[in-house]
Amino acid sequence: MNIWQLQEAKARFSELVERTLRNGAQIVTRRGKKVAVILPYEEYRRLTAPHSSLAQFLLESPLAGSELLIERDKSLPREVDLQP
């Protein structure tokens, strides 16, 4: 079970935490509506971590400094006939 009614989640909180750690995210409902999600802490950190820019990602890539040359294809695009 990964959906818990609020009253059940409160009464069995330790079990809720254990299932979260073992099985991943658990959903809590109140009056039949999904109102909260309980996540393992590492998953929360991954989701809320600041995202770096593409440039920063490339600079930190294992390929940085590998002298890999990537050149743009300079040939002209092909002709396309758009007439029906």
C-alpha atoms as a PDB file:
ATOM      1  CA  MET A   1       0.000   0.000   0.000  1.00  0.00           C
ATOM      2  CA  ASN A   2       1.424   3.420  -0.874  1.00  0.00           C
ATOM      3  CA  ILE A   3      -1.706   5.470  -0.148  1.00  0.00           C
ATOM      4  CA  TRP A   4      -2.470   6.276   3.490  1.00  0.00           C
ATOM      5  CA  GLN A   5      -5.463   8.028   5.015  1.00  0.00           C
ATOM      6  CA  LEU A   6      -4.280  10.834   7.292  1.00  0.00           C
ATOM      7  CA  GLN A   7      -5.613   9.204  10.471  1.00  0.00           C
ATOM      8  CA  GLU A   8      -3.908   5.922   9.580  1.00  0.00           C
ATOM      9  CA  ALA A   9      -0.644   7.727   8.730  1.00  0.00           C
ATOM     10  CA  LYS A  10      -0.671   9.447  12.126  1.00  0.00           C
ATOM     11  CA  ALA A  11      -1.463   6.259  14.019  1.00  0.00           C
ATOM     12  CA  ARG A  12       1.158   4.195  12.178  1.00  0.00           C
ATOM     13  CA  PHE A  13       3.800   6.862  11.511  1.00  0.00           C
ATOM     14  CA  SER A  14       6.792   4.605  12.217  1.00  0.00           C
ATOM     15  CA  GLU A  15       5.499   2.057   9.710  1.00  0.00           C
ATOM     16  CA  LEU A  16       4.871   4.857   7.196  1.00  0.00           C
ATOM     17  CA  VAL A  17       8.501   5.966   7.529  1.00  0.00           C
ATOM     18  CA  GLU A  18       9.795   2.392   7.184  1.00  0.00           C
ATOM     19  CA  ARG A  19       7.716   1.777   4.056  1.00  0.00           C
ATOM     20  CA  THR A  20       8.913   5.077   2.611  1.00  0.00           C
ATOM     21  CA  LEU A  21      12.533   4.036   3.103  1.00  0.00           C
ATOM     22  CA  ARG A  22      11.901   0.551   1.737  1.00  0.00           C
ATOM     23  CA  ASN A  23       9.437   1.233  -1.111  1.00  0.00           C
ATOM     24  CA  GLY A  24       9.745   4.919  -1.941  1.00  0.00           C
ATOM     25  CA  ALA A  25       7.175   7.702  -1.925  1.00  0.00           C
ATOM     26  CA  GLN A  26       3.982   7.293   0.109  1.00  0.00           C
ATOM     27  CA  ILE A  27       0.849   9.366  -0.526  1.00  0.00           C
ATOM     28  CA  VAL A  28      -1.319  10.732   2.308  1.00  0.00           C
ATOM     29  CA  THR A  29      -4.985  11.538   1.722  1.00  0.00           C
ATOM     30  CA  ARG A  30      -7.445  13.669   3.682  1.00  0.00           C
ATOM     31  CA  ARG A  31     -11.153  13.297   3.006  1.00  0.00           C
ATOM     32  CA  GLY A  32     -10.324  11.239  -0.087  1.00  0.00           C
ATOM     33  CA  LYS A  33      -8.027  13.853  -1.667  1.00  0.00           C
ATOM     34  CA  LYS A  34      -4.289  13.399  -2.089  1.00  0.00           C
ATOM     35  CA  VAL A  35      -2.710  16.108   0.075  1.00  0.00           C
ATOM     36  CA  ALA A  36       0.882  15.082   0.837  1.00  0.00           C
ATOM     37  CA  VAL A  37       3.714  12.839  -0.256  1.00  0.00           C
ATOM     38  CA  ILE A  38       6.267  11.351   2.122  1.00  0.00           C
ATOM     39  CA  LEU A  39       9.670  10.903   0.431  1.00  0.00           C
ATOM     40  CA  PRO A  40      12.994   9.442   1.489  1.00  0.00           C
ATOM     41  CA  TYR A  41      15.282  12.354   2.392  1.00  0.00           C
ATOM     42  CA  GLU A  42      17.767  11.643  -0.414  1.00  0.00           C
ATOM     43  CA  GLU A  43      14.959  11.778  -2.982  1.00  0.00           C
ATOM     44  CA  TYR A  44      13.818  15.110  -1.544  1.00  0.00           C
ATOM     45  CA  ARG A  45      17.389  16.457  -1.768  1.00  0.00           C
ATOM     46  CA  ARG A  46      17.677  15.306  -5.379  1.00  0.00           C
ATOM     47  CA  LEU A  47      14.406  17.003  -6.314  1.00  0.00           C
ATOM     48  CA  THR A  48      15.195  20.287  -4.568  1.00  0.00           C
ATOM     49  CA  ALA A  49      18.890  20.597  -5.414  1.00  0.00           C
ATOM     50  CA  PRO A  50      19.748  23.713  -7.408  1.00  0.00           C
ATOM     51  CA  HIS A  51      20.250  22.959 -11.071  1.00  0.00           C
ATOM     52  CA  SER A  52      23.429  24.097 -12.729  1.00  0.00           C
ATOM     53  CA  SER A  53      23.505  25.635 -16.179  1.00  0.00           C
ATOM     54  CA  LEU A  54      24.336  23.618 -19.279  1.00  0.00           C
ATOM     55  CA  ALA A  55      27.657  25.451 -19.523  1.00  0.00           C
ATOM     56  CA  GLN A  56      28.511  24.475 -15.924  1.00  0.00           C
ATOM     57  CA  PHE A  57      27.487  20.875 -16.603  1.00  0.00           C
ATOM     58  CA  LEU A  58      29.763  20.711 -19.646  1.00  0.00           C
ATOM     59  CA  LEU A  59      32.665  22.262 -17.745  1.00  0.00           C
ATOM     60  CA  GLU A  60      32.289  19.617 -15.018  1.00  0.00           C
ATOM     61  CA  SER A  61      31.805  16.781 -17.497  1.00  0.00           C
ATOM     62  CA  PRO A  62      34.261  13.878 -17.566  1.00  0.00           C
ATOM     63  CA  LEU A  63      34.982  14.937 -21.167  1.00  0.00           C
ATOM     64  CA  ALA A  64      36.162  18.415 -20.116  1.00  0.00           C
ATOM     65  CA  GLY A  65      39.764  18.803 -21.193  1.00  0.00           C
ATOM     66  CA  SER A  66      39.697  15.637 -23.309  1.00  0.00           C
ATOM     67  CA  GLU A  67      40.463  17.624 -26.456  1.00  0.00           C
ATOM     68  CA  LEU A  68      37.337  16.249 -28.125  1.00  0.00           C
ATOM     69  CA  LEU A  69      36.710  18.310 -31.269  1.00  0.00           C
ATOM     70  CA  ILE A  70      33.113  18.850 -32.283  1.00  0.00           C
ATOM     71  CA  GLU A  71      32.661  20.801 -35.473  1.00  0.00           C
ATOM     72  CA  ARG A  72      29.478  22.091 -37.013  1.00  0.00           C
ATOM     73  CA  ASP A  73      28.481  20.700 -40.414  1.00  0.00           C
ATOM     74  CA  LYS A  74      28.780  23.702 -42.751  1.00  0.00           C
ATOM     75  CA  SER A  75      27.086  22.132 -45.774  1.00  0.00           C
ATOM     76  CA  LEU A  76      23.946  23.829 -47.067  1.00  0.00           C
ATOM     77  CA  PRO A  77      20.568  22.364 -46.168  1.00  0.00           C
ATOM     78  CA  ARG A  78      18.780  20.261 -48.765  1.00  0.00           C
ATOM     79  CA  GLU A  79      16.156  21.765 -51.039  1.00  0.00           C
ATOM     80  CA  VAL A  80      12.559  21.144 -49.940  1.00  0.00           C
ATOM     81  CA  ASP A  81       9.590  21.549 -52.290  1.00  0.00           C
ATOM     82  CA  LEU A  82       6.648  22.886 -50.270  1.00  0.00           C
ATOM     83  CA  GLN A  83       4.225  22.951 -53.199  1.00  0.00           C
ATOM     84  CA  PRO A  84       1.223  20.558 -52.937  1.00  0.00           C
END
